PDB file of N, CA and C in Angstrom:
ATOM      1  N   MET A   1     -76.631  79.575  30.711  1.00  0.00           N
ATOM      2  CA  MET A   1     -76.470  79.156  29.335  1.00  0.00           C
ATOM      3  C   MET A   1     -77.261  80.052  28.382  1.00  0.00           C
ATOM      4  N   GLU A   2     -78.002  80.999  28.903  1.00  0.00           N
ATOM      5  CA  GLU A   2     -78.822  81.826  28.019  1.00  0.00           C
ATOM      6  C   GLU A   2     -78.007  82.783  27.162  1.00  0.00           C
ATOM      7  N   HIS A   3     -76.722  82.927  27.444  1.00  0.00           N
ATOM      8  CA  HIS A   3     -75.878  83.823  26.659  1.00  0.00           C
ATOM      9  C   HIS A   3     -75.072  83.083  25.594  1.00  0.00           C
ATOM     10  N   PHE A   4     -75.249  81.775  25.499  1.00  0.00           N
ATOM     11  CA  PHE A   4     -74.486  80.970  24.566  1.00  0.00           C
ATOM     12  C   PHE A   4     -75.333  80.562  23.370  1.00  0.00           C
ATOM     13  N   ILE A   5     -74.655  80.356  22.246  1.00  0.00           N
ATOM     14  CA  ILE A   5     -75.280  79.816  21.046  1.00  0.00           C
ATOM     15  C   ILE A   5     -74.584  78.502  20.744  1.00  0.00           C
ATOM     16  N   CYS A   6     -75.343  77.487  20.473  1.00  0.00           N
ATOM     17  CA  CYS A   6     -74.772  76.179  20.172  1.00  0.00           C
ATOM     18  C   CYS A   6     -74.621  76.027  18.663  1.00  0.00           C
ATOM     19  N   MET A   7     -73.405  75.692  18.222  1.00  0.00           N
ATOM     20  CA  MET A   7     -73.163  75.373  16.814  1.00  0.00           C
ATOM     21  C   MET A   7     -72.777  73.910  16.740  1.00  0.00           C
ATOM     22  N   GLN A   8     -73.580  73.136  16.080  1.00  0.00           N
ATOM     23  CA  GLN A   8     -73.395  71.698  15.996  1.00  0.00           C
ATOM     24  C   GLN A   8     -72.736  71.358  14.669  1.00  0.00           C
ATOM     25  N   ASP A   9     -71.942  70.299  14.630  1.00  0.00           N
ATOM     26  CA  ASP A   9     -71.111  70.005  13.463  1.00  0.00           C
ATOM     27  C   ASP A   9     -71.819  69.295  12.318  1.00  0.00           C
ATOM     28  N   GLY A  10     -73.011  68.791  12.504  1.00  0.00           N
ATOM     29  CA  GLY A  10     -73.773  68.212  11.408  1.00  0.00           C
ATOM     30  C   GLY A  10     -73.481  66.761  11.094  1.00  0.00           C
ATOM     31  N   THR A  11     -72.652  66.090  11.890  1.00  0.00           N
ATOM     32  CA  THR A  11     -72.420  64.670  11.628  1.00  0.00           C
ATOM     33  C   THR A  11     -73.701  63.887  11.874  1.00  0.00           C
ATOM     34  N   GLN A  12     -73.820  62.743  11.255  1.00  0.00           N
ATOM     35  CA  GLN A  12     -75.059  61.963  11.294  1.00  0.00           C
ATOM     36  C   GLN A  12     -75.566  61.686  12.722  1.00  0.00           C
ATOM     37  N   PRO A  13     -74.736  61.232  13.664  1.00  0.00           N
ATOM     38  CA  PRO A  13     -75.251  60.981  15.021  1.00  0.00           C
ATOM     39  C   PRO A  13     -75.779  62.238  15.707  1.00  0.00           C
ATOM     40  N   HIS A  14     -75.253  63.402  15.325  1.00  0.00           N
ATOM     41  CA  HIS A  14     -75.680  64.652  15.957  1.00  0.00           C
ATOM     42  C   HIS A  14     -76.928  65.241  15.317  1.00  0.00           C
ATOM     43  N   ARG A  15     -77.499  64.538  14.349  1.00  0.00           N
ATOM     44  CA  ARG A  15     -78.742  64.991  13.727  1.00  0.00           C
ATOM     45  C   ARG A  15     -79.934  64.135  14.139  1.00  0.00           C
ATOM     46  N   MET A  16     -79.754  63.289  15.127  1.00  0.00           N
ATOM     47  CA  MET A  16     -80.839  62.424  15.596  1.00  0.00           C
ATOM     48  C   MET A  16     -81.804  63.232  16.455  1.00  0.00           C
ATOM     49  N   HIS A  17     -83.035  62.797  16.488  1.00  0.00           N
ATOM     50  CA  HIS A  17     -84.078  63.505  17.228  1.00  0.00           C
ATOM     51  C   HIS A  17     -83.726  63.624  18.720  1.00  0.00           C
ATOM     52  N   ALA A  18     -83.181  62.578  19.303  1.00  0.00           N
ATOM     53  CA  ALA A  18     -82.835  62.617  20.732  1.00  0.00           C
ATOM     54  C   ALA A  18     -81.778  63.683  21.011  1.00  0.00           C
ATOM     55  N   PHE A  19     -80.818  63.822  20.122  1.00  0.00           N
ATOM     56  CA  PHE A  19     -79.777  64.839  20.290  1.00  0.00           C
ATOM     57  C   PHE A  19     -80.372  66.235  20.149  1.00  0.00           C
ATOM     58  N   PHE A  20     -81.233  66.422  19.136  1.00  0.00           N
ATOM     59  CA  PHE A  20     -81.891  67.718  18.959  1.00  0.00           C
ATOM     60  C   PHE A  20     -82.763  68.075  20.158  1.00  0.00           C
ATOM     61  N   ARG A  21     -83.377  67.085  20.761  1.00  0.00           N
ATOM     62  CA  ARG A  21     -84.222  67.338  21.934  1.00  0.00           C
ATOM     63  C   ARG A  21     -83.386  67.911  23.084  1.00  0.00           C
ATOM     64  N   VAL A  22     -82.182  67.358  23.284  1.00  0.00           N
ATOM     65  CA  VAL A  22     -81.286  67.862  24.333  1.00  0.00           C
ATOM     66  C   VAL A  22     -80.859  69.292  24.008  1.00  0.00           C
ATOM     67  N   LEU A  23     -80.507  69.547  22.740  1.00  0.00           N
ATOM     68  CA  LEU A  23     -80.143  70.908  22.345  1.00  0.00           C
ATOM     69  C   LEU A  23     -81.299  71.873  22.575  1.00  0.00           C
ATOM     70  N   HIS A  24     -82.498  71.446  22.222  1.00  0.00           N
ATOM     71  CA  HIS A  24     -83.664  72.312  22.378  1.00  0.00           C
ATOM     72  C   HIS A  24     -83.947  72.615  23.850  1.00  0.00           C
ATOM     73  N   GLU A  25     -83.773  71.634  24.715  1.00  0.00           N
ATOM     74  CA  GLU A  25     -83.988  71.843  26.149  1.00  0.00           C
ATOM     75  C   GLU A  25     -83.004  72.865  26.719  1.00  0.00           C
ATOM     76  N   HIS A  26     -81.769  72.830  26.260  1.00  0.00           N
ATOM     77  CA  HIS A  26     -80.740  73.694  26.837  1.00  0.00           C
ATOM     78  C   HIS A  26     -80.547  75.021  26.105  1.00  0.00           C
ATOM     79  N   PHE A  27     -80.805  75.049  24.792  1.00  0.00           N
ATOM     80  CA  PHE A  27     -80.508  76.247  24.012  1.00  0.00           C
ATOM     81  C   PHE A  27     -81.725  76.871  23.330  1.00  0.00           C
ATOM     82  N   GLY A  28     -82.830  76.142  23.218  1.00  0.00           N
ATOM     83  CA  GLY A  28     -84.030  76.704  22.583  1.00  0.00           C
ATOM     84  C   GLY A  28     -83.779  77.110  21.146  1.00  0.00           C
ATOM     85  N   ASN A  29     -83.979  78.389  20.832  1.00  0.00           N
ATOM     86  CA  ASN A  29     -83.796  78.854  19.454  1.00  0.00           C
ATOM     87  C   ASN A  29     -82.363  79.319  19.173  1.00  0.00           C
ATOM     88  N   ARG A  30     -81.448  79.143  20.123  1.00  0.00           N
ATOM     89  CA  ARG A  30     -80.059  79.574  19.941  1.00  0.00           C
ATOM     90  C   ARG A  30     -79.188  78.412  19.476  1.00  0.00           C
ATOM     91  N   VAL A  31     -79.642  77.738  18.414  1.00  0.00           N
ATOM     92  CA  VAL A  31     -78.926  76.588  17.871  1.00  0.00           C
ATOM     93  C   VAL A  31     -78.681  76.812  16.387  1.00  0.00           C
ATOM     94  N   LEU A  32     -77.445  76.617  15.965  1.00  0.00           N
ATOM     95  CA  LEU A  32     -77.075  76.643  14.558  1.00  0.00           C
ATOM     96  C   LEU A  32     -76.712  75.208  14.203  1.00  0.00           C
ATOM     97  N   ALA A  33     -77.608  74.513  13.515  1.00  0.00           N
ATOM     98  CA  ALA A  33     -77.396  73.096  13.248  1.00  0.00           C
ATOM     99  C   ALA A  33     -78.137  72.670  11.989  1.00  0.00           C
ATOM    100  N   LEU A  34     -77.524  71.777  11.259  1.00  0.00           N
ATOM    101  CA  LEU A  34     -78.120  71.233  10.056  1.00  0.00           C
ATOM    102  C   LEU A  34     -79.387  70.464  10.413  1.00  0.00           C
ATOM    103  N   TYR A  35     -80.499  70.809   9.808  1.00  0.00           N
ATOM    104  CA  TYR A  35     -81.837  70.199   9.986  1.00  0.00           C
ATOM    105  C   TYR A  35     -82.523  70.518  11.313  1.00  0.00           C
ATOM    106  N   TYR A  36     -81.899  71.266  12.195  1.00  0.00           N
ATOM    107  CA  TYR A  36     -82.542  71.597  13.481  1.00  0.00           C
ATOM    108  C   TYR A  36     -83.844  72.379  13.298  1.00  0.00           C
ATOM    109  N   PRO A  37     -83.873  73.428  12.446  1.00  0.00           N
ATOM    110  CA  PRO A  37     -85.125  74.178  12.287  1.00  0.00           C
ATOM    111  C   PRO A  37     -86.281  73.340  11.746  1.00  0.00           C
ATOM    112  N   ARG A  38     -85.991  72.283  11.026  1.00  0.00           N
ATOM    113  CA  ARG A  38     -87.060  71.418  10.504  1.00  0.00           C
ATOM    114  C   ARG A  38     -87.756  70.656  11.628  1.00  0.00           C
ATOM    115  N   GLN A  39     -87.040  70.404  12.711  1.00  0.00           N
ATOM    116  CA  GLN A  39     -87.618  69.656  13.833  1.00  0.00           C
ATOM    117  C   GLN A  39     -88.358  70.559  14.807  1.00  0.00           C
ATOM    118  N   TYR A  40     -87.831  71.765  15.057  1.00  0.00           N
ATOM    119  CA  TYR A  40     -88.401  72.608  16.102  1.00  0.00           C
ATOM    120  C   TYR A  40     -88.901  73.962  15.617  1.00  0.00           C
ATOM    121  N   ASP A  41     -88.776  74.233  14.341  1.00  0.00           N
ATOM    122  CA  ASP A  41     -89.253  75.493  13.762  1.00  0.00           C
ATOM    123  C   ASP A  41     -88.636  76.710  14.481  1.00  0.00           C
ATOM    124  N   CYS A  42     -87.384  76.575  14.855  1.00  0.00           N
ATOM    125  CA  CYS A  42     -86.624  77.687  15.435  1.00  0.00           C
ATOM    126  C   CYS A  42     -85.153  77.397  15.232  1.00  0.00           C
ATOM    127  N   GLY A  43     -84.306  78.321  15.575  1.00  0.00           N
ATOM    128  CA  GLY A  43     -82.882  78.154  15.369  1.00  0.00           C
ATOM    129  C   GLY A  43     -82.504  78.459  13.934  1.00  0.00           C
ATOM    130  N   LEU A  44     -81.252  78.219  13.604  1.00  0.00           N
ATOM    131  CA  LEU A  44     -80.743  78.482  12.262  1.00  0.00           C
ATOM    132  C   LEU A  44     -80.218  77.196  11.646  1.00  0.00           C
ATOM    133  N   ASP A  45     -80.510  77.008  10.376  1.00  0.00           N
ATOM    134  CA  ASP A  45     -80.023  75.848   9.639  1.00  0.00           C
ATOM    135  C   ASP A  45     -78.642  76.178   9.108  1.00  0.00           C
ATOM    136  N   SER A  46     -77.645  75.408   9.504  1.00  0.00           N
ATOM    137  CA  SER A  46     -76.292  75.679   9.001  1.00  0.00           C
ATOM    138  C   SER A  46     -76.189  75.171   7.572  1.00  0.00           C
ATOM    139  N   PRO A  47     -75.454  75.885   6.738  1.00  0.00           N
ATOM    140  CA  PRO A  47     -75.312  75.438   5.356  1.00  0.00           C
ATOM    141  C   PRO A  47     -74.514  74.137   5.272  1.00  0.00           C
ATOM    142  N   THR A  48     -74.853  73.313   4.299  1.00  0.00           N
ATOM    143  CA  THR A  48     -74.128  72.080   4.092  1.00  0.00           C
ATOM    144  C   THR A  48     -72.695  72.398   3.709  1.00  0.00           C
ATOM    145  N   MET A  49     -71.752  71.620   4.241  1.00  0.00           N
ATOM    146  CA  MET A  49     -70.327  71.777   3.963  1.00  0.00           C
ATOM    147  C   MET A  49     -69.799  73.150   4.391  1.00  0.00           C
ATOM    148  N   SER A  50     -70.378  73.736   5.423  1.00  0.00           N
ATOM    149  CA  SER A  50     -69.894  75.034   5.888  1.00  0.00           C
ATOM    150  C   SER A  50     -68.579  74.848   6.637  1.00  0.00           C
ATOM    151  N   PRO A  51     -67.687  75.818   6.552  1.00  0.00           N
ATOM    152  CA  PRO A  51     -66.408  75.696   7.265  1.00  0.00           C
ATOM    153  C   PRO A  51     -66.626  75.840   8.772  1.00  0.00           C
ATOM    154  N   ASP A  52     -65.739  75.251   9.524  1.00  0.00           N
ATOM    155  CA  ASP A  52     -65.809  75.407  10.972  1.00  0.00           C
ATOM    156  C   ASP A  52     -65.464  76.838  11.354  1.00  0.00           C
ATOM    157  N   ILE A  53     -66.034  77.273  12.466  1.00  0.00           N
ATOM    158  CA  ILE A  53     -65.744  78.611  12.967  1.00  0.00           C
ATOM    159  C   ILE A  53     -64.898  78.470  14.233  1.00  0.00           C
ATOM    160  N   ASN A  54     -64.062  77.480  14.257  1.00  0.00           N
ATOM    161  CA  ASN A  54     -63.228  77.209  15.410  1.00  0.00           C
ATOM    162  C   ASN A  54     -61.876  77.904  15.219  1.00  0.00           C
ATOM    163  N   PRO A  55     -61.527  78.861  16.071  1.00  0.00           N
ATOM    164  CA  PRO A  55     -60.251  79.570  15.886  1.00  0.00           C
ATOM    165  C   PRO A  55     -59.044  78.647  15.968  1.00  0.00           C
ATOM    166  N   CYS A  56     -59.127  77.573  16.744  1.00  0.00           N
ATOM    167  CA  CYS A  56     -57.989  76.652  16.844  1.00  0.00           C
ATOM    168  C   CYS A  56     -57.735  75.974  15.503  1.00  0.00           C
ATOM    169  N   ASP A  57     -58.806  75.532  14.815  1.00  0.00           N
ATOM    170  CA  ASP A  57     -58.649  74.922  13.501  1.00  0.00           C
ATOM    171  C   ASP A  57     -58.054  75.919  12.517  1.00  0.00           C
ATOM    172  N   PHE A  58     -58.532  77.155  12.555  1.00  0.00           N
ATOM    173  CA  PHE A  58     -58.029  78.188  11.655  1.00  0.00           C
ATOM    174  C   PHE A  58     -56.541  78.412  11.874  1.00  0.00           C
ATOM    175  N   LEU A  59     -56.119  78.562  13.129  1.00  0.00           N
ATOM    176  CA  LEU A  59     -54.713  78.818  13.430  1.00  0.00           C
ATOM    177  C   LEU A  59     -53.843  77.605  13.090  1.00  0.00           C
ATOM    178  N   TRP A  60     -54.358  76.401  13.330  1.00  0.00           N
ATOM    179  CA  TRP A  60     -53.612  75.193  12.998  1.00  0.00           C
ATOM    180  C   TRP A  60     -53.379  75.114  11.488  1.00  0.00           C
ATOM    181  N   ASN A  61     -54.420  75.353  10.694  1.00  0.00           N
ATOM    182  CA  ASN A  61     -54.273  75.320   9.238  1.00  0.00           C
ATOM    183  C   ASN A  61     -53.327  76.409   8.746  1.00  0.00           C
ATOM    184  N   LEU A  62     -53.420  77.589   9.345  1.00  0.00           N
ATOM    185  CA  LEU A  62     -52.537  78.692   8.969  1.00  0.00           C
ATOM    186  C   LEU A  62     -51.080  78.336   9.254  1.00  0.00           C
ATOM    187  N   SER A  63     -50.813  77.760  10.412  1.00  0.00           N
ATOM    188  CA  SER A  63     -49.433  77.401  10.756  1.00  0.00           C
ATOM    189  C   SER A  63     -48.913  76.293   9.849  1.00  0.00           C
ATOM    190  N   GLN A  64     -49.767  75.351   9.467  1.00  0.00           N
ATOM    191  CA  GLN A  64     -49.335  74.299   8.547  1.00  0.00           C
ATOM    192  C   GLN A  64     -48.986  74.878   7.179  1.00  0.00           C
ATOM    193  N   ARG A  65     -49.838  75.776   6.672  1.00  0.00           N
ATOM    194  CA  ARG A  65     -49.563  76.394   5.367  1.00  0.00           C
ATOM    195  C   ARG A  65     -48.266  77.194   5.415  1.00  0.00           C
ATOM    196  N   GLN A  66     -48.046  77.915   6.514  1.00  0.00           N
ATOM    197  CA  GLN A  66     -46.834  78.729   6.647  1.00  0.00           C
ATOM    198  C   GLN A  66     -45.600  77.821   6.707  1.00  0.00           C
ATOM    199  N   SER A  67     -45.698  76.718   7.415  1.00  0.00           N
ATOM    200  CA  SER A  67     -44.584  75.785   7.537  1.00  0.00           C
ATOM    201  C   SER A  67     -44.236  75.178   6.178  1.00  0.00           C
ATOM    202  N   VAL A  68     -45.241  74.773   5.431  1.00  0.00           N
ATOM    203  CA  VAL A  68     -45.020  74.197   4.101  1.00  0.00           C
ATOM    204  C   VAL A  68     -44.414  75.246   3.183  1.00  0.00           C
ATOM    205  N   SER A  69     -44.913  76.470   3.255  1.00  0.00           N
ATOM    206  CA  SER A  69     -44.405  77.549   2.416  1.00  0.00           C
ATOM    207  C   SER A  69     -42.933  77.835   2.723  1.00  0.00           C
ATOM    208  N   GLU A  70     -42.577  77.864   3.999  1.00  0.00           N
ATOM    209  CA  GLU A  70     -41.193  78.128   4.387  1.00  0.00           C
ATOM    210  C   GLU A  70     -40.265  77.006   3.944  1.00  0.00           C
ATOM    211  N   SER A  71     -40.694  75.752   4.097  1.00  0.00           N
ATOM    212  CA  SER A  71     -39.829  74.633   3.691  1.00  0.00           C
ATOM    213  C   SER A  71     -39.688  74.599   2.175  1.00  0.00           C
ATOM    214  N   THR A  72     -40.724  74.976   1.449  1.00  0.00           N
ATOM    215  CA  THR A  72     -40.649  75.026  -0.007  1.00  0.00           C
ATOM    216  C   THR A  72     -39.685  76.103  -0.459  1.00  0.00           C
ATOM    217  N   SER A  73     -39.731  77.275   0.177  1.00  0.00           N
ATOM    218  CA  SER A  73     -38.832  78.363  -0.219  1.00  0.00           C
ATOM    219  C   SER A  73     -37.384  78.038   0.137  1.00  0.00           C
ATOM    220  N   ARG A  74     -37.137  77.289   1.198  1.00  0.00           N
ATOM    221  CA  ARG A  74     -35.773  76.886   1.556  1.00  0.00           C
ATOM    222  C   ARG A  74     -35.215  75.888   0.549  1.00  0.00           C
ATOM    223  N   ASN A  75     -36.085  75.052   0.002  1.00  0.00           N
ATOM    224  CA  ASN A  75     -35.645  74.013  -0.920  1.00  0.00           C
ATOM    225  C   ASN A  75     -35.532  74.489  -2.364  1.00  0.00           C
ATOM    226  N   ARG A  76     -35.961  75.689  -2.655  1.00  0.00           N
ATOM    227  CA  ARG A  76     -35.836  76.206  -4.025  1.00  0.00           C
ATOM    228  C   ARG A  76     -34.357  76.389  -4.364  1.00  0.00           C
ATOM    229  N   GLY A  77     -34.038  76.074  -5.556  1.00  0.00           N
ATOM    230  CA  GLY A  77     -32.659  76.227  -5.995  1.00  0.00           C
ATOM    231  C   GLY A  77     -31.792  75.036  -5.670  1.00  0.00           C
ATOM    232  N   VAL A  78     -32.269  74.126  -4.874  1.00  0.00           N
ATOM    233  CA  VAL A  78     -31.501  72.924  -4.550  1.00  0.00           C
ATOM    234  C   VAL A  78     -31.872  71.866  -5.576  1.00  0.00           C
ATOM    235  N   THR A  79     -30.897  71.374  -6.265  1.00  0.00           N
ATOM    236  CA  THR A  79     -31.171  70.349  -7.273  1.00  0.00           C
ATOM    237  C   THR A  79     -30.555  69.034  -6.827  1.00  0.00           C
ATOM    238  N   VAL A  80     -31.255  67.996  -7.114  1.00  0.00           N
ATOM    239  CA  VAL A  80     -30.764  66.671  -6.798  1.00  0.00           C
ATOM    240  C   VAL A  80     -30.299  66.063  -8.114  1.00  0.00           C
ATOM    241  N   GLY A  81     -29.077  65.711  -8.174  1.00  0.00           N
ATOM    242  CA  GLY A  81     -28.548  65.170  -9.426  1.00  0.00           C
ATOM    243  C   GLY A  81     -27.642  63.994  -9.189  1.00  0.00           C
ATOM    244  N   ASN A  82     -27.067  63.545 -10.282  1.00  0.00           N
ATOM    245  CA  ASN A  82     -26.165  62.396 -10.183  1.00  0.00           C
ATOM    246  C   ASN A  82     -24.822  62.834  -9.697  1.00  0.00           C
TER     247      ASN A  82
END
C-alpha cells in the first residue's frame, strides 16, 4: 500500500477521528482528505466542494451531456402545433 494515495470524499462520517485513525495507520501522510492534516499534521487538506477525480464519473457525465446534446439537435425544427 506504500505506492497508493488515499483520497477521501469528505462526507461527515468519513471525517470522524476513528476513520482518520484507520487512514493514518494504512496511508500515513499519503492522504488527501478534508480536515485530515488538522488531526495528524500530515497529508493534504482537500478543498471544500472539490470535484471528484474519478474517471468513471467524468465519463458518465460526458456521455450524459453528449446524449442530451444529440437529442436536442434532433428535436430542433420540430414544432408541436394544433
